[in-house]
């Protein structure tokens, strides 16, 4: 029995790569933490884009609790007219990111709105404008990702 125990211990030691297994788990946790942090950052950015647009257009920047029909009207105009800091339209990916971020912003605490900007029928007209803007951007070639050259 002691030889069986010895063999079991040796087998366990050869099949268990402690440092690699632990490091892999830590790397996954770090990636998850980075992803969560980036999602929160992007969500805040999207909300700020809308708030700045509202303020620039003489509207109340507190959009979080407005009635759904009013939010739809606001988003319809926002999607069509929003521009980046250079005065240019955003890329297709940025528009999608803005809408997803706004949706998260409204659904997360403290607002906890039970709405979906992408799927709820109350946002159909805003989404029609959104889709039209994306089509226009694709026709202009703004659906391609442009990367900065690598730093040498």
Foldseek 3Di string as FASTA:
>chain_A
DVVVVVVVVVVVVVVDPPVVVVVVVVVVVVVVVVVVVVLVVLLVVLLVQLLVVQVVVVHHSPPLPDDLLVNLVSLLVCLQCRDDPVRHRAALVSLVSSQVSPQCVNCDPPNNDPDHCADDPSNVNSVVSNVVSNVVNVVVVRHDDDDDDDDD
